[in-house]
Amino acid sequence: MPPRPTDVADNTRAAGLMVGSMAFFAVEDLFLKWSAEALPPGQVLALTGAAGACIFWALAAGQRQRVLSVEALRGMALVRTLAEAAAAVLYILALALAPLTMTSALLQASPLVVVAGAALFLGEKVGWRRWASILVGFAGVLVILKPWDAAFDPTGLLTVACVVVLAARDLATRVMPARIGTFQVATWAYLGLVPSGALLMAGMGQSFVPPTPGQWAGLAGALVSGLFGYYAVVAAMRLGEVSVVAPFRYTRLVFALAIAMVFLGERPEGSTLLGAALVVGSGLYAFARERARKRASPMP
């Protein structure tokens, strides 16, 4: 039976789910930042990874997806898990050390890096207009970082490195065998955070700090908001057209800026806002060009 065509109502609901998921992820970032500033970042990573792995393991079992399989520990599945762990280490450090407004603005460059990586390593066709938009987005990253300025903050490079590793994760996901289930992948992604968090603690010479009740609440808030965000983004991508729904990912920046200003007292610099506008604008243009290209292609 052929798949049911996606209608306007589906796309509208999917867009709402995507916006909701971005709001949850922005709240998760706030809880993670608070936690990583009060506790060793590696400890935060390990605790949230262990809790998330237990939840997704139960979900995988409910879907009859095997978690303990050799297939999840080789090939692109293993590459994805390692990239997820490395990106998590970089991101938790960025949250602990850099302003949330800068971190969130730089994170928006991730789709552009994925497009560039798909063209360079997967052979996907990318026209000169999308290449131009990618270059504009990279220029926006430089405007946010301001490496030429005497007040240059090198902690922003943690997020840049995180974006590159996240792109590698997404590219590995594209070429993974389709028979590997979503919850199976998510379980291994969270499991990978436990040893990576322990290694981060060892590398920074930190030991376990017993969390206070308030810190446990912060960790729980990060876990719950992250799980809701994950569920909503998966539901959105399954319900609506990717070319319609994906641009709504950029609403995460709006939520992050509001949260940083209200709860952290941050005031983003003009260069951060300008750079973010360049990154988001170039990303939206790249999405629009991809949608136009698909519409112009002959239907199978």
C-alpha atoms as a PDB file:
ATOM      1  CA  MET A   1       0.000   0.000   0.000  1.00  0.00           C
ATOM      2  CA  PRO A   2       1.561   3.361  -0.996  1.00  0.00           C
ATOM      3  CA  PRO A   3       2.180   5.946   1.742  1.00  0.00           C
ATOM      4  CA  ARG A   4      -0.610   8.482   2.319  1.00  0.00           C
ATOM      5  CA  PRO A   5       0.253  11.873   0.779  1.00  0.00           C
ATOM      6  CA  THR A   6       1.125  14.543   3.302  1.00  0.00           C
ATOM      7  CA  ASP A   7      -1.620  17.201   3.445  1.00  0.00           C
ATOM      8  CA  VAL A   8      -1.679  20.768   4.708  1.00  0.00           C
ATOM      9  CA  ALA A   9      -3.135  19.775   8.092  1.00  0.00           C
ATOM     10  CA  ASP A  10      -0.324  17.238   8.628  1.00  0.00           C
ATOM     11  CA  ASN A  11       2.310  19.828   7.802  1.00  0.00           C
ATOM     12  CA  THR A  12       0.675  22.328  10.158  1.00  0.00           C
ATOM     13  CA  ARG A  13       0.635  19.842  13.033  1.00  0.00           C
ATOM     14  CA  ALA A  14       4.203  18.786  12.228  1.00  0.00           C
ATOM     15  CA  ALA A  15       5.361  22.405  12.252  1.00  0.00           C
ATOM     16  CA  GLY A  16       3.752  22.866  15.657  1.00  0.00           C
ATOM     17  CA  LEU A  17       5.478  19.755  16.953  1.00  0.00           C
ATOM     18  CA  MET A  18       8.818  20.991  15.624  1.00  0.00           C
ATOM     19  CA  VAL A  19       8.395  24.379  17.311  1.00  0.00           C
ATOM     20  CA  GLY A  20       7.445  22.617  20.538  1.00  0.00           C
ATOM     21  CA  SER A  21      10.460  20.345  20.338  1.00  0.00           C
ATOM     22  CA  MET A  22      12.775  23.324  19.895  1.00  0.00           C
ATOM     23  CA  ALA A  23      11.233  24.958  22.963  1.00  0.00           C
ATOM     24  CA  PHE A  24      11.880  21.800  24.988  1.00  0.00           C
ATOM     25  CA  PHE A  25      15.491  21.635  23.764  1.00  0.00           C
ATOM     26  CA  ALA A  26      16.049  25.272  24.709  1.00  0.00           C
ATOM     27  CA  VAL A  27      14.726  24.531  28.219  1.00  0.00           C
ATOM     28  CA  GLU A  28      16.993  21.472  28.344  1.00  0.00           C
ATOM     29  CA  ASP A  29      19.984  23.696  27.533  1.00  0.00           C
ATOM     30  CA  LEU A  30      19.105  25.979  30.436  1.00  0.00           C
ATOM     31  CA  PHE A  31      18.925  23.074  32.900  1.00  0.00           C
ATOM     32  CA  LEU A  32      22.161  21.591  31.528  1.00  0.00           C
ATOM     33  CA  LYS A  33      23.947  24.935  31.815  1.00  0.00           C
ATOM     34  CA  TRP A  34      22.838  25.364  35.414  1.00  0.00           C
ATOM     35  CA  SER A  35      23.883  21.792  36.204  1.00  0.00           C
ATOM     36  CA  ALA A  36      27.247  21.984  34.421  1.00  0.00           C
ATOM     37  CA  GLU A  37      28.111  25.199  36.264  1.00  0.00           C
ATOM     38  CA  ALA A  38      27.310  23.645  39.671  1.00  0.00           C
ATOM     39  CA  LEU A  39      28.627  20.108  39.085  1.00  0.00           C
ATOM     40  CA  PRO A  40      31.484  18.610  37.060  1.00  0.00           C
ATOM     41  CA  PRO A  41      30.356  18.700  33.389  1.00  0.00           C
ATOM     42  CA  GLY A  42      31.423  15.084  32.909  1.00  0.00           C
ATOM     43  CA  GLN A  43      29.282  14.014  35.850  1.00  0.00           C
ATOM     44  CA  VAL A  44      26.251  15.790  34.360  1.00  0.00           C
ATOM     45  CA  LEU A  45      26.889  14.001  31.067  1.00  0.00           C
ATOM     46  CA  ALA A  46      27.243  10.573  32.679  1.00  0.00           C
ATOM     47  CA  LEU A  47      24.156  10.895  34.899  1.00  0.00           C
ATOM     48  CA  THR A  48      21.853  12.135  32.123  1.00  0.00           C
ATOM     49  CA  GLY A  49      23.268   9.502  29.776  1.00  0.00           C
ATOM     50  CA  ALA A  50      22.587   6.656  32.210  1.00  0.00           C
ATOM     51  CA  ALA A  51      19.035   7.830  32.925  1.00  0.00           C
ATOM     52  CA  GLY A  52      18.235   8.452  29.255  1.00  0.00           C
ATOM     53  CA  ALA A  53      19.641   5.053  28.238  1.00  0.00           C
ATOM     54  CA  CYS A  54      17.373   3.285  30.740  1.00  0.00           C
ATOM     55  CA  ILE A  55      14.302   5.077  29.397  1.00  0.00           C
ATOM     56  CA  PHE A  56      15.095   4.462  25.728  1.00  0.00           C
ATOM     57  CA  TRP A  57      16.072   0.854  26.463  1.00  0.00           C
ATOM     58  CA  ALA A  58      12.581   0.327  27.886  1.00  0.00           C
ATOM     59  CA  LEU A  59      11.034   2.010  24.840  1.00  0.00           C
ATOM     60  CA  ALA A  60      13.140  -0.144  22.514  1.00  0.00           C
ATOM     61  CA  ALA A  61      12.002  -3.270  24.353  1.00  0.00           C
ATOM     62  CA  GLY A  62       8.396  -2.161  23.953  1.00  0.00           C
ATOM     63  CA  GLN A  63       8.976  -1.870  20.197  1.00  0.00           C
ATOM     64  CA  ARG A  64      10.739  -5.259  20.131  1.00  0.00           C
ATOM     65  CA  GLN A  65      13.983  -3.598  19.051  1.00  0.00           C
ATOM     66  CA  ARG A  66      17.111  -5.385  20.246  1.00  0.00           C
ATOM     67  CA  VAL A  67      19.594  -3.078  21.944  1.00  0.00           C
ATOM     68  CA  LEU A  68      22.378  -5.579  22.641  1.00  0.00           C
ATOM     69  CA  SER A  69      23.304  -6.486  19.076  1.00  0.00           C
ATOM     70  CA  VAL A  70      26.591  -6.620  17.212  1.00  0.00           C
ATOM     71  CA  GLU A  71      25.092  -4.504  14.445  1.00  0.00           C
ATOM     72  CA  ALA A  72      24.855  -1.494  16.754  1.00  0.00           C
ATOM     73  CA  LEU A  73      28.587  -1.695  17.500  1.00  0.00           C
ATOM     74  CA  ARG A  74      30.036  -1.679  14.018  1.00  0.00           C
ATOM     75  CA  GLY A  75      30.073   0.354  10.836  1.00  0.00           C
ATOM     76  CA  MET A  76      28.166   3.605  10.618  1.00  0.00           C
ATOM     77  CA  ALA A  77      26.148   2.778  13.741  1.00  0.00           C
ATOM     78  CA  LEU A  78      29.345   2.801  15.795  1.00  0.00           C
ATOM     79  CA  VAL A  79      30.549   5.981  14.064  1.00  0.00           C
ATOM     80  CA  ARG A  80      27.253   7.640  14.953  1.00  0.00           C
ATOM     81  CA  THR A  81      27.478   6.635  18.618  1.00  0.00           C
ATOM     82  CA  LEU A  82      31.074   7.859  18.923  1.00  0.00           C
ATOM     83  CA  ALA A  83      30.222  11.139  17.182  1.00  0.00           C
ATOM     84  CA  GLU A  84      27.232  11.619  19.480  1.00  0.00           C
ATOM     85  CA  ALA A  85      29.426  11.119  22.548  1.00  0.00           C
ATOM     86  CA  ALA A  86      32.131  13.485  21.280  1.00  0.00           C
ATOM     87  CA  ALA A  87      29.569  16.153  20.393  1.00  0.00           C
ATOM     88  CA  ALA A  88      27.978  15.850  23.837  1.00  0.00           C
ATOM     89  CA  VAL A  89      31.341  16.411  25.530  1.00  0.00           C
ATOM     90  CA  LEU A  90      32.006  19.519  23.446  1.00  0.00           C
ATOM     91  CA  TYR A  91      28.506  20.865  23.966  1.00  0.00           C
ATOM     92  CA  ILE A  92      28.380  20.405  27.747  1.00  0.00           C
ATOM     93  CA  LEU A  93      31.719  22.223  28.011  1.00  0.00           C
ATOM     94  CA  ALA A  94      30.413  25.013  25.792  1.00  0.00           C
ATOM     95  CA  LEU A  95      27.299  25.341  27.957  1.00  0.00           C
ATOM     96  CA  ALA A  96      29.415  25.473  31.101  1.00  0.00           C
ATOM     97  CA  LEU A  97      31.951  28.004  29.808  1.00  0.00           C
ATOM     98  CA  ALA A  98      30.337  30.143  27.091  1.00  0.00           C
ATOM     99  CA  PRO A  99      27.252  32.393  27.079  1.00  0.00           C
ATOM    100  CA  LEU A 100      24.097  30.526  26.085  1.00  0.00           C
ATOM    101  CA  THR A 101      23.293  33.154  23.456  1.00  0.00           C
ATOM    102  CA  MET A 102      26.606  32.536  21.660  1.00  0.00           C
ATOM    103  CA  THR A 103      26.334  28.765  21.953  1.00  0.00           C
ATOM    104  CA  SER A 104      22.777  28.712  20.593  1.00  0.00           C
ATOM    105  CA  ALA A 105      23.596  31.070  17.723  1.00  0.00           C
ATOM    106  CA  LEU A 106      26.591  29.013  16.601  1.00  0.00           C
ATOM    107  CA  LEU A 107      24.599  25.780  16.849  1.00  0.00           C
ATOM    108  CA  GLN A 108      22.300  27.018  14.068  1.00  0.00           C
ATOM    109  CA  ALA A 109      25.107  26.461  11.554  1.00  0.00           C
ATOM    110  CA  SER A 110      24.696  22.687  11.899  1.00  0.00           C
ATOM    111  CA  PRO A 111      22.305  22.199   8.908  1.00  0.00           C
ATOM    112  CA  LEU A 112      24.689  24.115   6.636  1.00  0.00           C
ATOM    113  CA  VAL A 113      27.614  21.913   7.646  1.00  0.00           C
ATOM    114  CA  VAL A 114      25.465  18.829   6.991  1.00  0.00           C
ATOM    115  CA  VAL A 115      24.663  20.067   3.466  1.00  0.00           C
ATOM    116  CA  ALA A 116      28.339  20.752   2.770  1.00  0.00           C
ATOM    117  CA  GLY A 117      29.343  17.367   4.172  1.00  0.00           C
ATOM    118  CA  ALA A 118      26.702  15.564   2.113  1.00  0.00           C
ATOM    119  CA  ALA A 119      28.064  17.207  -1.028  1.00  0.00           C
ATOM    120  CA  LEU A 120      31.703  16.487  -0.202  1.00  0.00           C
ATOM    121  CA  PHE A 121      31.425  12.966   1.211  1.00  0.00           C
ATOM    122  CA  LEU A 122      28.120  11.488   0.028  1.00  0.00           C
ATOM    123  CA  GLY A 123      28.126  12.832  -3.509  1.00  0.00           C
ATOM    124  CA  GLU A 124      24.855  14.767  -3.152  1.00  0.00           C
ATOM    125  CA  LYS A 125      24.326  17.462  -5.762  1.00  0.00           C
ATOM    126  CA  VAL A 126      24.570  20.995  -4.361  1.00  0.00           C
ATOM    127  CA  GLY A 127      24.246  23.924  -6.753  1.00  0.00           C
ATOM    128  CA  TRP A 128      26.223  27.137  -6.654  1.00  0.00           C
ATOM    129  CA  ARG A 129      23.370  29.022  -4.970  1.00  0.00           C
ATOM    130  CA  ARG A 130      23.353  26.678  -1.989  1.00  0.00           C
ATOM    131  CA  TRP A 131      27.154  26.779  -1.852  1.00  0.00           C
ATOM    132  CA  ALA A 132      26.882  30.573  -1.736  1.00  0.00           C
ATOM    133  CA  SER A 133      24.375  30.343   1.118  1.00  0.00           C
ATOM    134  CA  ILE A 134      26.736  28.015   2.990  1.00  0.00           C
ATOM    135  CA  LEU A 135      29.559  30.549   2.633  1.00  0.00           C
ATOM    136  CA  VAL A 136      27.274  33.314   3.912  1.00  0.00           C
ATOM    137  CA  GLY A 137      26.404  31.125   6.888  1.00  0.00           C
ATOM    138  CA  PHE A 138      30.070  30.504   7.629  1.00  0.00           C
ATOM    139  CA  ALA A 139      30.653  34.260   7.438  1.00  0.00           C
ATOM    140  CA  GLY A 140      27.911  34.611  10.057  1.00  0.00           C
ATOM    141  CA  VAL A 141      29.805  32.187  12.294  1.00  0.00           C
ATOM    142  CA  LEU A 142      32.886  34.423  12.021  1.00  0.00           C
ATOM    143  CA  VAL A 143      30.813  37.499  12.873  1.00  0.00           C
ATOM    144  CA  ILE A 144      29.573  35.750  16.032  1.00  0.00           C
ATOM    145  CA  LEU A 145      33.044  34.583  17.058  1.00  0.00           C
ATOM    146  CA  LYS A 146      34.924  37.801  16.113  1.00  0.00           C
ATOM    147  CA  PRO A 147      38.367  36.138  16.009  1.00  0.00           C
ATOM    148  CA  TRP A 148      39.892  39.488  14.969  1.00  0.00           C
ATOM    149  CA  ASP A 149      38.682  41.217  18.132  1.00  0.00           C
ATOM    150  CA  ALA A 150      40.864  41.666  21.195  1.00  0.00           C
ATOM    151  CA  ALA A 151      37.953  40.386  23.302  1.00  0.00           C
ATOM    152  CA  PHE A 152      37.728  37.152  21.276  1.00  0.00           C
ATOM    153  CA  ASP A 153      36.227  34.366  23.418  1.00  0.00           C
ATOM    154  CA  PRO A 154      37.874  31.035  22.451  1.00  0.00           C
ATOM    155  CA  THR A 155      35.166  29.042  24.250  1.00  0.00           C
ATOM    156  CA  GLY A 156      32.990  29.627  21.195  1.00  0.00           C
ATOM    157  CA  LEU A 157      35.268  27.257  19.295  1.00  0.00           C
ATOM    158  CA  LEU A 158      33.880  24.419  21.425  1.00  0.00           C
ATOM    159  CA  THR A 159      30.482  24.903  19.797  1.00  0.00           C
ATOM    160  CA  VAL A 160      32.047  25.173  16.336  1.00  0.00           C
ATOM    161  CA  ALA A 161      33.787  21.836  16.887  1.00  0.00           C
ATOM    162  CA  CYS A 162      30.509  20.425  18.233  1.00  0.00           C
ATOM    163  CA  VAL A 163      28.692  21.500  15.051  1.00  0.00           C
ATOM    164  CA  VAL A 164      31.256  19.708  12.869  1.00  0.00           C
ATOM    165  CA  VAL A 165      30.974  16.506  14.914  1.00  0.00           C
ATOM    166  CA  LEU A 166      27.162  16.719  14.877  1.00  0.00           C
ATOM    167  CA  ALA A 167      27.291  16.947  11.087  1.00  0.00           C
ATOM    168  CA  ALA A 168      29.401  13.780  11.022  1.00  0.00           C
ATOM    169  CA  ARG A 169      26.785  12.116  13.238  1.00  0.00           C
ATOM    170  CA  ASP A 170      23.943  13.135  10.913  1.00  0.00           C
ATOM    171  CA  LEU A 171      25.817  11.973   7.818  1.00  0.00           C
ATOM    172  CA  ALA A 172      26.513   8.615   9.474  1.00  0.00           C
ATOM    173  CA  THR A 173      22.810   8.364  10.315  1.00  0.00           C
ATOM    174  CA  ARG A 174      21.910   8.835   6.649  1.00  0.00           C
ATOM    175  CA  VAL A 175      23.914   5.820   5.536  1.00  0.00           C
ATOM    176  CA  MET A 176      23.079   3.529   8.463  1.00  0.00           C
ATOM    177  CA  PRO A 177      21.056   0.389   7.689  1.00  0.00           C
ATOM    178  CA  ALA A 178      17.341   1.186   7.901  1.00  0.00           C
ATOM    179  CA  ARG A 179      16.711  -1.990   9.911  1.00  0.00           C
ATOM    180  CA  ILE A 180      18.394  -0.433  12.973  1.00  0.00           C
ATOM    181  CA  GLY A 181      15.498   0.980  15.007  1.00  0.00           C
ATOM    182  CA  THR A 182      15.196   4.570  16.188  1.00  0.00           C
ATOM    183  CA  PHE A 183      14.977   3.674  19.882  1.00  0.00           C
ATOM    184  CA  GLN A 184      17.910   1.295  19.507  1.00  0.00           C
ATOM    185  CA  VAL A 185      20.008   4.128  18.072  1.00  0.00           C
ATOM    186  CA  ALA A 186      18.868   6.520  20.809  1.00  0.00           C
ATOM    187  CA  THR A 187      19.694   3.991  23.543  1.00  0.00           C
ATOM    188  CA  TRP A 188      23.249   3.582  22.322  1.00  0.00           C
ATOM    189  CA  ALA A 189      23.594   7.340  21.927  1.00  0.00           C
ATOM    190  CA  TYR A 190      22.743   7.823  25.616  1.00  0.00           C
ATOM    191  CA  LEU A 191      24.867   4.847  26.690  1.00  0.00           C
ATOM    192  CA  GLY A 192      27.842   6.447  24.969  1.00  0.00           C
ATOM    193  CA  LEU A 193      27.505   9.482  27.226  1.00  0.00           C
ATOM    194  CA  VAL A 194      28.361   7.469  30.351  1.00  0.00           C
ATOM    195  CA  PRO A 195      31.989   6.543  29.488  1.00  0.00           C
ATOM    196  CA  SER A 196      32.550   9.863  27.706  1.00  0.00           C
ATOM    197  CA  GLY A 197      31.395  11.726  30.819  1.00  0.00           C
ATOM    198  CA  ALA A 198      33.688   9.597  33.002  1.00  0.00           C
ATOM    199  CA  LEU A 199      36.624  10.273  30.673  1.00  0.00           C
ATOM    200  CA  LEU A 200      35.877  13.997  30.762  1.00  0.00           C
ATOM    201  CA  MET A 201      35.921  13.966  34.565  1.00  0.00           C
ATOM    202  CA  ALA A 202      39.222  12.071  34.569  1.00  0.00           C
ATOM    203  CA  GLY A 203      40.733  14.436  32.013  1.00  0.00           C
ATOM    204  CA  MET A 204      39.719  17.484  34.054  1.00  0.00           C
ATOM    205  CA  GLY A 205      40.902  15.879  37.300  1.00  0.00           C
ATOM    206  CA  GLN A 206      37.426  16.025  38.836  1.00  0.00           C
ATOM    207  CA  SER A 207      35.704  13.555  41.127  1.00  0.00           C
ATOM    208  CA  PHE A 208      32.043  12.787  41.785  1.00  0.00           C
ATOM    209  CA  VAL A 209      30.177  15.500  43.679  1.00  0.00           C
ATOM    210  CA  PRO A 210      26.958  14.404  45.459  1.00  0.00           C
ATOM    211  CA  PRO A 211      24.191  16.583  43.991  1.00  0.00           C
ATOM    212  CA  THR A 212      21.942  18.558  46.292  1.00  0.00           C
ATOM    213  CA  PRO A 213      18.154  18.109  45.998  1.00  0.00           C
ATOM    214  CA  GLY A 214      17.992  21.247  43.869  1.00  0.00           C
ATOM    215  CA  GLN A 215      20.729  19.940  41.570  1.00  0.00           C
ATOM    216  CA  TRP A 216      18.919  16.602  41.217  1.00  0.00           C
ATOM    217  CA  ALA A 217      15.835  18.586  40.208  1.00  0.00           C
ATOM    218  CA  GLY A 218      17.896  20.421  37.584  1.00  0.00           C
ATOM    219  CA  LEU A 219      19.221  17.157  36.175  1.00  0.00           C
ATOM    220  CA  ALA A 220      15.686  15.739  36.098  1.00  0.00           C
ATOM    221  CA  GLY A 221      14.470  18.861  34.331  1.00  0.00           C
ATOM    222  CA  ALA A 222      17.154  18.470  31.666  1.00  0.00           C
ATOM    223  CA  LEU A 223      16.281  14.799  31.177  1.00  0.00           C
ATOM    224  CA  VAL A 224      12.512  15.289  30.972  1.00  0.00           C
ATOM    225  CA  SER A 225      12.649  18.309  28.654  1.00  0.00           C
ATOM    226  CA  GLY A 226      15.193  16.530  26.440  1.00  0.00           C
ATOM    227  CA  LEU A 227      13.000  13.427  26.165  1.00  0.00           C
ATOM    228  CA  PHE A 228       9.910  15.476  25.301  1.00  0.00           C
ATOM    229  CA  GLY A 229      11.949  17.389  22.722  1.00  0.00           C
ATOM    230  CA  TYR A 230      13.243  14.175  21.193  1.00  0.00           C
ATOM    231  CA  TYR A 231       9.751  12.668  20.968  1.00  0.00           C
ATOM    232  CA  ALA A 232       8.305  15.830  19.402  1.00  0.00           C
ATOM    233  CA  VAL A 233      11.021  16.177  16.769  1.00  0.00           C
ATOM    234  CA  VAL A 234      10.695  12.517  15.726  1.00  0.00           C
ATOM    235  CA  ALA A 235       6.904  12.869  15.504  1.00  0.00           C
ATOM    236  CA  ALA A 236       7.249  16.056  13.455  1.00  0.00           C
ATOM    237  CA  MET A 237       9.640  14.505  10.946  1.00  0.00           C
ATOM    238  CA  ARG A 238       7.393  11.467  10.524  1.00  0.00           C
ATOM    239  CA  LEU A 239       4.167  13.454  10.149  1.00  0.00           C
ATOM    240  CA  GLY A 240       5.162  16.306   7.832  1.00  0.00           C
ATOM    241  CA  GLU A 241       7.302  16.947   4.784  1.00  0.00           C
ATOM    242  CA  VAL A 242      10.951  17.420   5.690  1.00  0.00           C
ATOM    243  CA  SER A 243      11.340  20.479   3.444  1.00  0.00           C
ATOM    244  CA  VAL A 244       8.366  22.134   5.182  1.00  0.00           C
ATOM    245  CA  VAL A 245       9.109  21.134   8.767  1.00  0.00           C
ATOM    246  CA  ALA A 246      12.913  21.344   8.980  1.00  0.00           C
ATOM    247  CA  PRO A 247      13.187  25.176   8.758  1.00  0.00           C
ATOM    248  CA  PHE A 248      11.206  25.442  12.001  1.00  0.00           C
ATOM    249  CA  ARG A 249      14.306  24.097  13.766  1.00  0.00           C
ATOM    250  CA  TYR A 250      15.587  27.666  13.804  1.00  0.00           C
ATOM    251  CA  THR A 251      12.927  28.643  16.334  1.00  0.00           C
ATOM    252  CA  ARG A 252      15.247  27.090  18.908  1.00  0.00           C
ATOM    253  CA  LEU A 253      17.396  30.215  18.669  1.00  0.00           C
ATOM    254  CA  VAL A 254      14.421  32.458  19.486  1.00  0.00           C
ATOM    255  CA  PHE A 255      13.574  30.405  22.573  1.00  0.00           C
ATOM    256  CA  ALA A 256      17.231  30.255  23.623  1.00  0.00           C
ATOM    257  CA  LEU A 257      17.694  34.024  23.346  1.00  0.00           C
ATOM    258  CA  ALA A 258      14.563  34.667  25.407  1.00  0.00           C
ATOM    259  CA  ILE A 259      15.568  32.126  28.066  1.00  0.00           C
ATOM    260  CA  ALA A 260      19.127  33.472  28.285  1.00  0.00           C
ATOM    261  CA  MET A 261      17.891  37.023  28.735  1.00  0.00           C
ATOM    262  CA  VAL A 262      15.190  36.195  31.295  1.00  0.00           C
ATOM    263  CA  PHE A 263      16.865  33.498  33.406  1.00  0.00           C
ATOM    264  CA  LEU A 264      20.596  34.172  32.919  1.00  0.00           C
ATOM    265  CA  GLY A 265      20.609  37.928  32.511  1.00  0.00           C
ATOM    266  CA  GLU A 266      22.530  37.713  29.241  1.00  0.00           C
ATOM    267  CA  ARG A 267      22.371  40.542  26.739  1.00  0.00           C
ATOM    268  CA  PRO A 268      23.500  39.364  23.284  1.00  0.00           C
ATOM    269  CA  GLU A 269      25.879  41.671  21.454  1.00  0.00           C
ATOM    270  CA  GLY A 270      24.942  43.216  18.139  1.00  0.00           C
ATOM    271  CA  SER A 271      27.549  41.061  16.386  1.00  0.00           C
ATOM    272  CA  THR A 272      25.937  37.913  17.817  1.00  0.00           C
ATOM    273  CA  LEU A 273      22.507  38.943  16.527  1.00  0.00           C
ATOM    274  CA  LEU A 274      23.912  39.934  13.118  1.00  0.00           C
ATOM    275  CA  GLY A 275      25.864  36.697  12.784  1.00  0.00           C
ATOM    276  CA  ALA A 276      22.857  34.655  13.871  1.00  0.00           C
ATOM    277  CA  ALA A 277      20.716  36.425  11.259  1.00  0.00           C
ATOM    278  CA  LEU A 278      23.259  35.535   8.554  1.00  0.00           C
ATOM    279  CA  VAL A 279      23.408  31.890   9.673  1.00  0.00           C
ATOM    280  CA  VAL A 280      19.635  31.464   9.952  1.00  0.00           C
ATOM    281  CA  GLY A 281      18.941  33.372   6.743  1.00  0.00           C
ATOM    282  CA  SER A 282      21.411  31.290   4.747  1.00  0.00           C
ATOM    283  CA  GLY A 283      19.989  28.108   6.245  1.00  0.00           C
ATOM    284  CA  LEU A 284      16.434  29.056   5.318  1.00  0.00           C
ATOM    285  CA  TYR A 285      17.574  29.895   1.784  1.00  0.00           C
ATOM    286  CA  ALA A 286      19.302  26.523   1.487  1.00  0.00           C
ATOM    287  CA  PHE A 287      16.091  24.778   2.607  1.00  0.00           C
ATOM    288  CA  ALA A 288      14.058  26.789   0.086  1.00  0.00           C
ATOM    289  CA  ARG A 289      16.449  25.926  -2.767  1.00  0.00           C
ATOM    290  CA  GLU A 290      16.322  22.235  -1.854  1.00  0.00           C
ATOM    291  CA  ARG A 291      12.534  22.293  -1.835  1.00  0.00           C
ATOM    292  CA  ALA A 292      12.422  24.054  -5.214  1.00  0.00           C
ATOM    293  CA  ARG A 293      14.886  21.526  -6.649  1.00  0.00           C
ATOM    294  CA  LYS A 294      12.768  18.589  -5.491  1.00  0.00           C
ATOM    295  CA  ARG A 295       9.612  20.142  -6.928  1.00  0.00           C
ATOM    296  CA  ALA A 296      11.339  20.670 -10.275  1.00  0.00           C
ATOM    297  CA  SER A 297      12.603  17.071 -10.394  1.00  0.00           C
ATOM    298  CA  PRO A 298      10.469  14.600 -12.389  1.00  0.00           C
ATOM    299  CA  MET A 299       8.296  12.435 -10.181  1.00  0.00           C
ATOM    300  CA  PRO A 300       9.119   8.685 -10.232  1.00  0.00           C
END
